[in-house]
Amino acid sequence: MKDSIKALRTHPEALFVLGYMLFPLFALIFAGLGLFMILTGSKIIGLILLLTLTQLFAFGSLWAVGARKKLLTEGETSPKK
């Protein structure tokens, strides 16, 4: 499992999918679900969804975009073999 996570960090394509597609989509889904739960009366669970899972996916998206940008800039500046 650790090897596959390390391999994921070295592929800009996978980080693109995570940072620009999956994590923002999950953040949007959980934000909508949390807001819906707050409006329908489940305030505690709705706040937990808004304050934890939404933030987790939002910051995960920022991390993936930053890691991808770092990989791409390292690839441009490294000498070619």
Protein backbone atom coordinates (compact mmCIF):
# COMPACT_ATOMS: atom_id res chain seq x y z
CA MET A 1 0.00 0.00 0.00
CA LYS A 2 2.81 2.41 0.86
CA ASP A 3 4.51 1.68 -2.45
CA SER A 4 1.39 2.51 -4.43
CA ILE A 5 0.92 5.79 -2.54
CA LYS A 6 4.54 6.72 -3.23
CA ALA A 7 4.01 5.86 -6.89
CA LEU A 8 0.91 8.06 -6.95
CA ARG A 9 2.94 11.03 -5.73
CA THR A 10 5.30 10.75 -8.69
CA HIS A 11 2.68 10.82 -11.48
CA PRO A 12 1.42 14.29 -12.41
CA GLU A 13 -1.57 12.78 -14.23
CA ALA A 14 -2.87 11.11 -11.08
CA LEU A 15 -2.33 14.28 -9.06
CA PHE A 16 -4.23 16.21 -11.75
CA VAL A 17 -7.23 13.92 -11.41
CA LEU A 18 -7.14 14.14 -7.62
CA GLY A 19 -6.49 17.87 -7.35
CA TYR A 20 -8.74 19.21 -10.07
CA MET A 21 -11.52 16.61 -10.28
CA LEU A 22 -12.08 14.16 -7.44
CA PHE A 23 -11.23 16.10 -4.29
CA PRO A 24 -13.17 19.25 -5.30
CA LEU A 25 -16.14 17.12 -6.33
CA PHE A 26 -16.13 15.31 -2.99
CA ALA A 27 -15.80 18.63 -1.14
CA LEU A 28 -18.79 20.01 -3.03
CA ILE A 29 -20.87 16.89 -2.38
CA PHE A 30 -20.13 16.87 1.34
CA ALA A 31 -20.73 20.62 1.63
CA GLY A 32 -24.14 20.22 0.01
CA LEU A 33 -24.95 17.21 2.14
CA GLY A 34 -23.88 19.00 5.31
CA LEU A 35 -25.96 22.05 4.44
CA PHE A 36 -28.96 19.86 3.64
CA MET A 37 -28.61 18.04 6.97
CA ILE A 38 -28.39 21.34 8.86
CA LEU A 39 -31.51 22.66 7.13
CA THR A 40 -33.48 19.47 7.79
CA GLY A 41 -32.69 19.36 11.51
CA SER A 42 -29.58 17.18 11.94
CA LYS A 43 -27.41 20.09 12.99
CA ILE A 44 -24.60 18.20 14.72
CA ILE A 45 -23.92 15.72 11.92
CA GLY A 46 -24.30 18.46 9.32
CA LEU A 47 -21.72 20.62 11.08
CA ILE A 48 -19.37 17.66 11.35
CA LEU A 49 -19.66 17.11 7.61
CA LEU A 50 -19.11 20.78 6.86
CA LEU A 51 -16.23 21.30 9.25
CA THR A 52 -14.30 18.07 8.78
CA LEU A 53 -14.87 16.20 5.53
CA THR A 54 -15.39 19.27 3.36
CA GLN A 55 -12.24 20.89 4.71
CA LEU A 56 -10.29 17.64 4.38
CA PHE A 57 -11.11 17.31 0.70
CA ALA A 58 -10.53 21.02 0.03
CA PHE A 59 -7.07 20.95 1.58
CA GLY A 60 -6.36 17.60 -0.11
CA SER A 61 -7.11 19.27 -3.42
CA LEU A 62 -4.71 22.11 -2.65
CA TRP A 63 -2.03 19.61 -1.67
CA ALA A 64 -2.45 17.61 -4.89
CA VAL A 65 -2.28 20.72 -7.07
CA GLY A 66 0.84 21.90 -5.25
CA ALA A 67 2.52 18.51 -5.49
CA ARG A 68 1.73 18.34 -9.21
CA LYS A 69 3.12 21.81 -9.79
CA LYS A 70 6.28 20.87 -7.89
CA LEU A 71 6.70 17.70 -9.98
CA LEU A 72 6.25 19.58 -13.23
CA THR A 73 8.75 22.31 -12.32
CA GLU A 74 11.30 19.73 -11.18
CA GLY A 75 10.88 17.87 -14.45
CA GLU A 76 11.54 21.03 -16.48
CA THR A 77 14.67 22.06 -14.57
CA SER A 78 16.29 18.64 -14.20
CA PRO A 79 18.90 17.71 -16.80
CA LYS A 80 17.71 15.25 -19.41
CA LYS A 81 19.52 11.94 -19.69
